[in-house]
């Protein structure tokens, strides 16, 4: 009985620590701006646990602001896909497939933030599509 109580208390402490770490990353991630240098991002969020290939970026469709017209989404994704050189994903272990609550950003060839999803499923995609 005592052992079960100790294990339960340990699991509660672990869950609270993980929740706290996720919220801290969320607070930091919303401070990342389009155009920031990758060095500044790494200073703020830490080295990315996952540096991923560009992919189709199709998984970002659901990350647009609610009510964004489908043609706008398609055009924007096409522009972002053409300019994204690398994706950084900050999950707790899912690799290059971001999950709920994860942070993901796209860098251009110069190492600047082109787009960011500060917190997947809770904060929409932030992007700049104009070249430069």
Protein backbone atom coordinates (compact mmCIF):
# COMPACT_ATOMS: atom_id res chain seq x y z
CA UNK A 1 0.00 0.00 0.00
CA UNK A 2 2.80 2.39 0.92
CA UNK A 3 4.73 1.44 -2.23
CA UNK A 4 1.69 2.18 -4.39
CA UNK A 5 1.37 5.58 -2.73
CA UNK A 6 5.03 6.37 -3.40
CA UNK A 7 4.72 5.31 -7.03
CA UNK A 8 1.55 7.40 -7.46
CA UNK A 9 3.21 10.45 -5.91
CA UNK A 10 6.22 9.98 -8.19
CA UNK A 11 3.99 9.79 -11.27
CA UNK A 12 2.16 12.97 -10.24
CA UNK A 13 5.45 14.83 -9.78
CA UNK A 14 6.67 13.59 -13.18
CA UNK A 15 3.43 14.65 -14.90
CA UNK A 16 3.61 18.11 -13.34
CA UNK A 17 7.25 18.51 -14.40
CA UNK A 18 6.44 17.55 -18.00
CA UNK A 19 3.44 19.90 -18.08
CA UNK A 20 5.53 22.74 -16.70
CA UNK A 21 8.27 22.15 -19.29
CA UNK A 22 5.70 22.20 -22.11
CA UNK A 23 4.19 25.46 -20.91
CA UNK A 24 7.60 27.06 -20.58
CA UNK A 25 8.42 26.08 -24.18
CA UNK A 26 5.03 27.44 -25.27
CA UNK A 27 5.75 30.82 -23.64
CA UNK A 28 9.12 30.95 -25.37
CA UNK A 29 7.81 29.74 -28.74
CA UNK A 30 5.28 32.56 -29.04
CA UNK A 31 8.22 35.00 -28.84
CA UNK A 32 9.80 33.57 -32.03
CA UNK A 33 9.10 35.89 -34.94
CA UNK A 34 9.15 35.33 -38.68
CA UNK A 35 12.56 36.54 -39.86
CA UNK A 36 14.43 35.54 -36.69
CA UNK A 37 17.80 33.91 -37.25
CA UNK A 38 18.16 30.21 -36.43
CA UNK A 39 20.85 31.08 -33.87
CA UNK A 40 18.39 33.28 -31.98
CA UNK A 41 15.78 30.52 -32.12
CA UNK A 42 18.25 27.97 -30.74
CA UNK A 43 19.16 30.37 -27.93
CA UNK A 44 15.51 30.79 -27.03
CA UNK A 45 14.15 27.26 -27.52
CA UNK A 46 17.35 25.22 -27.37
CA UNK A 47 18.83 23.12 -30.10
CA UNK A 48 16.02 21.44 -32.02
CA UNK A 49 15.60 17.80 -31.07
CA UNK A 50 14.53 17.10 -34.65
CA UNK A 51 15.83 18.75 -37.83
CA UNK A 52 13.56 17.43 -40.53
CA UNK A 53 13.28 17.45 -44.31
CA UNK A 54 10.90 19.97 -45.80
CA UNK A 55 8.13 17.50 -46.76
CA UNK A 56 4.98 18.59 -48.54
CA UNK A 57 3.90 20.79 -45.61
CA UNK A 58 0.41 19.38 -46.13
CA UNK A 59 0.19 18.73 -42.40
CA UNK A 60 -0.01 22.52 -41.91
CA UNK A 61 -3.45 22.78 -43.54
CA UNK A 62 -5.20 22.47 -40.18
CA UNK A 63 -2.89 25.03 -38.57
CA UNK A 64 -4.20 28.06 -40.47
CA UNK A 65 -6.37 30.59 -38.70
CA UNK A 66 -10.00 29.46 -38.61
CA UNK A 67 -11.93 30.74 -41.59
CA UNK A 68 -8.95 31.03 -43.94
CA UNK A 69 -10.24 30.34 -47.47
CA UNK A 70 -9.02 27.10 -49.04
CA UNK A 71 -7.47 28.86 -52.09
CA UNK A 72 -5.46 31.09 -49.72
CA UNK A 73 -4.26 28.03 -47.82
CA UNK A 74 -3.20 26.24 -51.00
CA UNK A 75 -1.39 29.26 -52.43
CA UNK A 76 0.35 29.98 -49.14
CA UNK A 77 1.47 26.37 -48.70
CA UNK A 78 2.86 26.36 -52.24
CA UNK A 79 4.88 29.51 -51.50
CA UNK A 80 6.10 28.22 -48.14
CA UNK A 81 7.01 24.82 -49.61
CA UNK A 82 9.14 26.48 -52.30
CA UNK A 83 11.07 28.58 -49.76
CA UNK A 84 11.38 26.18 -46.80
CA UNK A 85 14.83 24.59 -46.61
CA UNK A 86 14.46 22.84 -43.25
CA UNK A 87 11.87 22.14 -40.54
CA UNK A 88 12.67 22.17 -36.85
CA UNK A 89 10.29 20.24 -34.59
CA UNK A 90 10.26 20.55 -30.82
CA UNK A 91 8.20 17.62 -29.57
CA UNK A 92 8.70 15.38 -26.60
CA UNK A 93 9.70 12.47 -28.80
CA UNK A 94 7.53 12.03 -31.91
CA UNK A 95 10.35 12.80 -34.34
CA UNK A 96 9.50 14.70 -37.50
CA UNK A 97 5.75 14.17 -37.15
CA UNK A 98 4.54 16.96 -34.87
CA UNK A 99 1.76 16.22 -32.42
CA UNK A 100 -0.64 18.32 -30.37
CA UNK A 101 1.21 20.91 -28.31
CA UNK A 102 4.44 20.64 -30.30
CA UNK A 103 6.31 23.58 -31.79
CA UNK A 104 7.37 23.47 -35.44
CA UNK A 105 9.07 26.03 -37.61
CA UNK A 106 10.35 26.30 -41.14
CA UNK A 107 13.65 27.92 -42.04
CA UNK A 108 14.61 29.35 -45.39
CA UNK A 109 17.96 28.72 -47.09
CA UNK A 110 19.55 31.63 -45.18
CA UNK A 111 18.55 30.10 -41.82
CA UNK A 112 15.77 32.58 -41.08
CA UNK A 113 12.36 31.65 -39.72
CA UNK A 114 9.91 31.55 -42.61
CA UNK A 115 6.94 30.17 -40.66
CA UNK A 116 6.14 28.86 -37.21
CA UNK A 117 3.42 26.93 -35.44
CA UNK A 118 4.16 28.02 -31.87
CA UNK A 119 1.86 25.42 -30.32
CA UNK A 120 0.21 22.88 -32.58
CA UNK A 121 -3.59 22.73 -32.23
CA UNK A 122 -3.61 25.78 -29.91
CA UNK A 123 -1.93 28.59 -31.81
CA UNK A 124 -2.24 29.10 -35.57
CA UNK A 125 0.48 29.11 -38.19
CA UNK A 126 2.38 32.41 -38.40
CA UNK A 127 4.03 33.07 -41.76
CA UNK A 128 5.30 35.61 -44.24
CA UNK A 129 4.98 34.67 -47.90
CA UNK A 130 6.64 37.62 -49.56
CA UNK A 131 10.16 36.80 -50.80
CA UNK A 132 13.14 38.27 -49.06
